[in-house]
Amino acid sequence: KTFQEAQSDLNQTAADLNQSAGDVVHASRGTTTQLADASGKFSEDFDEFLDAGIEMAGHTQ
């Protein structure tokens, strides 16, 4: 990936993670199933954010 692609991926995964965090807050007012689903999505998005951050770090070394 180019630096620009890595930067774009990092920005997108950060936005997705932010959305997932909001979904967890919203789901905390709902059922346990909704909270579990939202938490699972947050976990997936967090993993993707970390991967994008590692990719970005590789470009800045």
PDB file of N, CA and C in Angstrom:
ATOM      1  N   LYS A   1       0.836  -1.199   0.000  1.00  0.00           N
ATOM      2  CA  LYS A   1       0.000   0.000   0.000  1.00  0.00           C
ATOM      3  C   LYS A   1       0.869   1.246   0.000  1.00  0.00           C
ATOM      4  N   THR A   2       0.361   2.260  -0.644  1.00  0.00           N
ATOM      5  CA  THR A   2       1.047   3.546  -0.584  1.00  0.00           C
ATOM      6  C   THR A   2       0.743   4.212   0.762  1.00  0.00           C
ATOM      7  N   PHE A   3       1.507   5.248   1.059  1.00  0.00           N
ATOM      8  CA  PHE A   3       1.265   5.999   2.289  1.00  0.00           C
ATOM      9  C   PHE A   3      -0.154   6.554   2.307  1.00  0.00           C
ATOM     10  N   GLN A   4      -0.602   7.069   1.165  1.00  0.00           N
ATOM     11  CA  GLN A   4      -1.942   7.656   1.088  1.00  0.00           C
ATOM     12  C   GLN A   4      -3.021   6.601   1.321  1.00  0.00           C
ATOM     13  N   GLU A   5      -2.821   5.408   0.775  1.00  0.00           N
ATOM     14  CA  GLU A   5      -3.788   4.325   0.988  1.00  0.00           C
ATOM     15  C   GLU A   5      -3.831   3.912   2.452  1.00  0.00           C
ATOM     16  N   ALA A   6      -2.661   3.819   3.066  1.00  0.00           N
ATOM     17  CA  ALA A   6      -2.592   3.454   4.481  1.00  0.00           C
ATOM     18  C   ALA A   6      -3.262   4.520   5.343  1.00  0.00           C
ATOM     19  N   GLN A   7      -3.032   5.783   4.996  1.00  0.00           N
ATOM     20  CA  GLN A   7      -3.641   6.887   5.732  1.00  0.00           C
ATOM     21  C   GLN A   7      -5.157   6.868   5.580  1.00  0.00           C
ATOM     22  N   SER A   8      -5.624   6.607   4.378  1.00  0.00           N
ATOM     23  CA  SER A   8      -7.061   6.524   4.122  1.00  0.00           C
ATOM     24  C   SER A   8      -7.689   5.371   4.901  1.00  0.00           C
ATOM     25  N   ASP A   9      -7.009   4.226   4.908  1.00  0.00           N
ATOM     26  CA  ASP A   9      -7.506   3.072   5.666  1.00  0.00           C
ATOM     27  C   ASP A   9      -7.579   3.386   7.156  1.00  0.00           C
ATOM     28  N   LEU A  10      -6.555   4.063   7.665  1.00  0.00           N
ATOM     29  CA  LEU A  10      -6.545   4.417   9.085  1.00  0.00           C
ATOM     30  C   LEU A  10      -7.698   5.363   9.409  1.00  0.00           C
ATOM     31  N   ASN A  11      -7.924   6.339   8.553  1.00  0.00           N
ATOM     32  CA  ASN A  11      -9.033   7.274   8.767  1.00  0.00           C
ATOM     33  C   ASN A  11     -10.375   6.556   8.741  1.00  0.00           C
ATOM     34  N   GLN A  12     -10.544   5.637   7.781  1.00  0.00           N
ATOM     35  CA  GLN A  12     -11.813   4.916   7.658  1.00  0.00           C
ATOM     36  C   GLN A  12     -12.045   3.994   8.851  1.00  0.00           C
ATOM     37  N   THR A  13     -10.996   3.282   9.267  1.00  0.00           N
ATOM     38  CA  THR A  13     -11.171   2.373  10.400  1.00  0.00           C
ATOM     39  C   THR A  13     -11.405   3.151  11.692  1.00  0.00           C
ATOM     40  N   ALA A  14     -10.813   4.340  11.807  1.00  0.00           N
ATOM     41  CA  ALA A  14     -11.066   5.182  12.977  1.00  0.00           C
ATOM     42  C   ALA A  14     -12.521   5.632  13.001  1.00  0.00           C
ATOM     43  N   ALA A  15     -13.049   5.995  11.842  1.00  0.00           N
ATOM     44  CA  ALA A  15     -14.456   6.399  11.758  1.00  0.00           C
ATOM     45  C   ALA A  15     -15.378   5.231  12.088  1.00  0.00           C
ATOM     46  N   ASP A  16     -15.037   4.045  11.587  1.00  0.00           N
ATOM     47  CA  ASP A  16     -15.839   2.851  11.887  1.00  0.00           C
ATOM     48  C   ASP A  16     -15.811   2.535  13.380  1.00  0.00           C
ATOM     49  N   LEU A  17     -14.627   2.667  13.983  1.00  0.00           N
ATOM     50  CA  LEU A  17     -14.495   2.399  15.414  1.00  0.00           C
ATOM     51  C   LEU A  17     -15.306   3.405  16.225  1.00  0.00           C
ATOM     52  N   ASN A  18     -15.281   4.654  15.824  1.00  0.00           N
ATOM     53  CA  ASN A  18     -16.061   5.685  16.496  1.00  0.00           C
ATOM     54  C   ASN A  18     -17.556   5.378  16.422  1.00  0.00           C
ATOM     55  N   GLN A  19     -18.007   4.944  15.243  1.00  0.00           N
ATOM     56  CA  GLN A  19     -19.415   4.570  15.070  1.00  0.00           C
ATOM     57  C   GLN A  19     -19.764   3.385  15.966  1.00  0.00           C
ATOM     58  N   SER A  20     -18.885   2.405  16.012  1.00  0.00           N
ATOM     59  CA  SER A  20     -19.133   1.224  16.841  1.00  0.00           C
ATOM     60  C   SER A  20     -19.194   1.579  18.323  1.00  0.00           C
ATOM     61  N   ALA A  21     -18.352   2.509  18.742  1.00  0.00           N
ATOM     62  CA  ALA A  21     -18.378   2.940  20.139  1.00  0.00           C
ATOM     63  C   ALA A  21     -19.726   3.571  20.468  1.00  0.00           C
ATOM     64  N   GLY A  22     -20.224   4.389  19.564  1.00  0.00           N
ATOM     65  CA  GLY A  22     -21.553   4.974  19.753  1.00  0.00           C
ATOM     66  C   GLY A  22     -22.640   3.922  19.783  1.00  0.00           C
ATOM     67  N   ASP A  23     -22.489   2.901  18.945  1.00  0.00           N
ATOM     68  CA  ASP A  23     -23.470   1.813  18.923  1.00  0.00           C
ATOM     69  C   ASP A  23     -23.478   1.041  20.238  1.00  0.00           C
ATOM     70  N   VAL A  24     -22.307   0.865  20.843  1.00  0.00           N
ATOM     71  CA  VAL A  24     -22.230   0.185  22.141  1.00  0.00           C
ATOM     72  C   VAL A  24     -22.963   1.005  23.198  1.00  0.00           C
ATOM     73  N   VAL A  25     -22.749   2.303  23.202  1.00  0.00           N
ATOM     74  CA  VAL A  25     -23.440   3.172  24.158  1.00  0.00           C
ATOM     75  C   VAL A  25     -24.950   3.075  23.957  1.00  0.00           C
ATOM     76  N   HIS A  26     -25.381   3.137  22.709  1.00  0.00           N
ATOM     77  CA  HIS A  26     -26.809   3.036  22.405  1.00  0.00           C
ATOM     78  C   HIS A  26     -27.355   1.673  22.824  1.00  0.00           C
ATOM     79  N   ALA A  27     -26.623   0.609  22.519  1.00  0.00           N
ATOM     80  CA  ALA A  27     -27.072  -0.748  22.828  1.00  0.00           C
ATOM     81  C   ALA A  27     -27.107  -1.010  24.328  1.00  0.00           C
ATOM     82  N   SER A  28     -26.333  -0.248  25.084  1.00  0.00           N
ATOM     83  CA  SER A  28     -26.321  -0.451  26.538  1.00  0.00           C
ATOM     84  C   SER A  28     -27.675  -0.109  27.157  1.00  0.00           C
ATOM     85  N   ARG A  29     -28.488   0.607  26.404  1.00  0.00           N
ATOM     86  CA  ARG A  29     -29.836   0.941  26.877  1.00  0.00           C
ATOM     87  C   ARG A  29     -30.865  -0.069  26.374  1.00  0.00           C
ATOM     88  N   GLY A  30     -30.404  -1.044  25.586  1.00  0.00           N
ATOM     89  CA  GLY A  30     -31.303  -2.035  25.006  1.00  0.00           C
ATOM     90  C   GLY A  30     -31.175  -3.382  25.691  1.00  0.00           C
ATOM     91  N   THR A  31     -31.309  -4.426  24.890  1.00  0.00           N
ATOM     92  CA  THR A  31     -31.255  -5.788  25.425  1.00  0.00           C
ATOM     93  C   THR A  31     -29.810  -6.262  25.521  1.00  0.00           C
ATOM     94  N   THR A  32     -29.626  -7.341  26.267  1.00  0.00           N
ATOM     95  CA  THR A  32     -28.280  -7.908  26.376  1.00  0.00           C
ATOM     96  C   THR A  32     -27.801  -8.426  25.019  1.00  0.00           C
ATOM     97  N   THR A  33     -28.719  -8.911  24.205  1.00  0.00           N
ATOM     98  CA  THR A  33     -28.350  -9.385  22.865  1.00  0.00           C
ATOM     99  C   THR A  33     -27.846  -8.233  22.005  1.00  0.00           C
ATOM    100  N   GLN A  34     -28.533  -7.098  22.076  1.00  0.00           N
ATOM    101  CA  GLN A  34     -28.093  -5.924  21.314  1.00  0.00           C
ATOM    102  C   GLN A  34     -26.710  -5.470  21.778  1.00  0.00           C
ATOM    103  N   LEU A  35     -26.500  -5.501  23.080  1.00  0.00           N
ATOM    104  CA  LEU A  35     -25.206  -5.087  23.620  1.00  0.00           C
ATOM    105  C   LEU A  35     -24.108  -6.057  23.195  1.00  0.00           C
ATOM    106  N   ALA A  36     -24.413  -7.348  23.223  1.00  0.00           N
ATOM    107  CA  ALA A  36     -23.426  -8.346  22.798  1.00  0.00           C
ATOM    108  C   ALA A  36     -23.068  -8.169  21.326  1.00  0.00           C
ATOM    109  N   ASP A  37     -24.069  -7.930  20.497  1.00  0.00           N
ATOM    110  CA  ASP A  37     -23.825  -7.722  19.064  1.00  0.00           C
ATOM    111  C   ASP A  37     -22.972  -6.476  18.829  1.00  0.00           C
ATOM    112  N   ALA A  38     -23.336  -5.394  19.500  1.00  0.00           N
ATOM    113  CA  ALA A  38     -22.597  -4.137  19.335  1.00  0.00           C
ATOM    114  C   ALA A  38     -21.168  -4.273  19.854  1.00  0.00           C
ATOM    115  N   SER A  39     -21.002  -4.991  20.952  1.00  0.00           N
ATOM    116  CA  SER A  39     -19.663  -5.196  21.511  1.00  0.00           C
ATOM    117  C   SER A  39     -18.803  -6.040  20.577  1.00  0.00           C
ATOM    118  N   GLY A  40     -19.423  -7.042  19.966  1.00  0.00           N
ATOM    119  CA  GLY A  40     -18.693  -7.869  19.006  1.00  0.00           C
ATOM    120  C   GLY A  40     -18.234  -7.072  17.806  1.00  0.00           C
ATOM    121  N   LYS A  41     -19.106  -6.201  17.309  1.00  0.00           N
ATOM    122  CA  LYS A  41     -18.745  -5.340  16.170  1.00  0.00           C
ATOM    123  C   LYS A  41     -17.641  -4.365  16.569  1.00  0.00           C
ATOM    124  N   PHE A  42     -17.721  -3.828  17.784  1.00  0.00           N
ATOM    125  CA  PHE A  42     -16.678  -2.929  18.272  1.00  0.00           C
ATOM    126  C   PHE A  42     -15.335  -3.653  18.308  1.00  0.00           C
ATOM    127  N   SER A  43     -15.343  -4.883  18.789  1.00  0.00           N
ATOM    128  CA  SER A  43     -14.114  -5.671  18.866  1.00  0.00           C
ATOM    129  C   SER A  43     -13.508  -5.890  17.484  1.00  0.00           C
ATOM    130  N   GLU A  44     -14.346  -6.221  16.512  1.00  0.00           N
ATOM    131  CA  GLU A  44     -13.869  -6.405  15.134  1.00  0.00           C
ATOM    132  C   GLU A  44     -13.292  -5.108  14.579  1.00  0.00           C
ATOM    133  N   ASP A  45     -14.002  -4.005  14.804  1.00  0.00           N
ATOM    134  CA  ASP A  45     -13.536  -2.715  14.298  1.00  0.00           C
ATOM    135  C   ASP A  45     -12.246  -2.280  14.986  1.00  0.00           C
ATOM    136  N   PHE A  46     -12.114  -2.612  16.272  1.00  0.00           N
ATOM    137  CA  PHE A  46     -10.888  -2.283  16.996  1.00  0.00           C
ATOM    138  C   PHE A  46      -9.710  -3.048  16.400  1.00  0.00           C
ATOM    139  N   ASP A  47      -9.913  -4.327  16.105  1.00  0.00           N
ATOM    140  CA  ASP A  47      -8.854  -5.129  15.479  1.00  0.00           C
ATOM    141  C   ASP A  47      -8.440  -4.529  14.135  1.00  0.00           C
ATOM    142  N   GLU A  48      -9.423  -4.121  13.341  1.00  0.00           N
ATOM    143  CA  GLU A  48      -9.124  -3.527  12.036  1.00  0.00           C
ATOM    144  C   GLU A  48      -8.389  -2.197  12.188  1.00  0.00           C
ATOM    145  N   PHE A  49      -8.772  -1.429  13.214  1.00  0.00           N
ATOM    146  CA  PHE A  49      -8.096  -0.163  13.486  1.00  0.00           C
ATOM    147  C   PHE A  49      -6.632  -0.401  13.868  1.00  0.00           C
ATOM    148  N   LEU A  50      -6.403  -1.416  14.711  1.00  0.00           N
ATOM    149  CA  LEU A  50      -5.026  -1.740  15.093  1.00  0.00           C
ATOM    150  C   LEU A  50      -4.205  -2.162  13.878  1.00  0.00           C
ATOM    151  N   ASP A  51      -4.790  -3.000  13.038  1.00  0.00           N
ATOM    152  CA  ASP A  51      -4.085  -3.435  11.829  1.00  0.00           C
ATOM    153  C   ASP A  51      -3.723  -2.240  10.947  1.00  0.00           C
ATOM    154  N   ALA A  52      -4.662  -1.315  10.795  1.00  0.00           N
ATOM    155  CA  ALA A  52      -4.405  -0.126   9.980  1.00  0.00           C
ATOM    156  C   ALA A  52      -3.328   0.743  10.618  1.00  0.00           C
ATOM    157  N   GLY A  53      -3.333   0.821  11.944  1.00  0.00           N
ATOM    158  CA  GLY A  53      -2.309   1.595  12.644  1.00  0.00           C
ATOM    159  C   GLY A  53      -0.928   0.992  12.481  1.00  0.00           C
ATOM    160  N   ILE A  54      -0.861  -0.326  12.523  1.00  0.00           N
ATOM    161  CA  ILE A  54       0.419  -1.013  12.323  1.00  0.00           C
ATOM    162  C   ILE A  54       0.917  -0.801  10.899  1.00  0.00           C
ATOM    163  N   GLU A  55      -0.002  -0.881   9.951  1.00  0.00           N
ATOM    164  CA  GLU A  55       0.351  -0.625   8.543  1.00  0.00           C
ATOM    165  C   GLU A  55       0.891   0.798   8.381  1.00  0.00           C
ATOM    166  N   MET A  56       0.229   1.738   9.014  1.00  0.00           N
ATOM    167  CA  MET A  56       0.650   3.139   8.930  1.00  0.00           C
ATOM    168  C   MET A  56       2.017   3.322   9.586  1.00  0.00           C
ATOM    169  N   ALA A  57       2.227   2.664  10.708  1.00  0.00           N
ATOM    170  CA  ALA A  57       3.506   2.776  11.408  1.00  0.00           C
ATOM    171  C   ALA A  57       4.651   2.265  10.537  1.00  0.00           C
ATOM    172  N   GLY A  58       4.364   1.258   9.730  1.00  0.00           N
ATOM    173  CA  GLY A  58       5.387   0.742   8.832  1.00  0.00           C
ATOM    174  C   GLY A  58       5.840   1.760   7.806  1.00  0.00           C
ATOM    175  N   HIS A  59       4.992   2.698   7.471  1.00  0.00           N
ATOM    176  CA  HIS A  59       5.337   3.737   6.498  1.00  0.00           C
ATOM    177  C   HIS A  59       6.118   4.880   7.128  1.00  0.00           C
ATOM    178  N   THR A  60       6.041   5.007   8.440  1.00  0.00           N
ATOM    179  CA  THR A  60       6.666   6.161   9.088  1.00  0.00           C
ATOM    180  C   THR A  60       8.027   5.828   9.684  1.00  0.00           C
ATOM    181  N   GLN A  61       8.429   4.566   9.579  1.00  0.00           N
ATOM    182  CA  GLN A  61       9.732   4.184  10.140  1.00  0.00           C
ATOM    183  C   GLN A  61      10.866   4.653   9.249  1.00  0.00           C
TER     184      GLN A  61
END
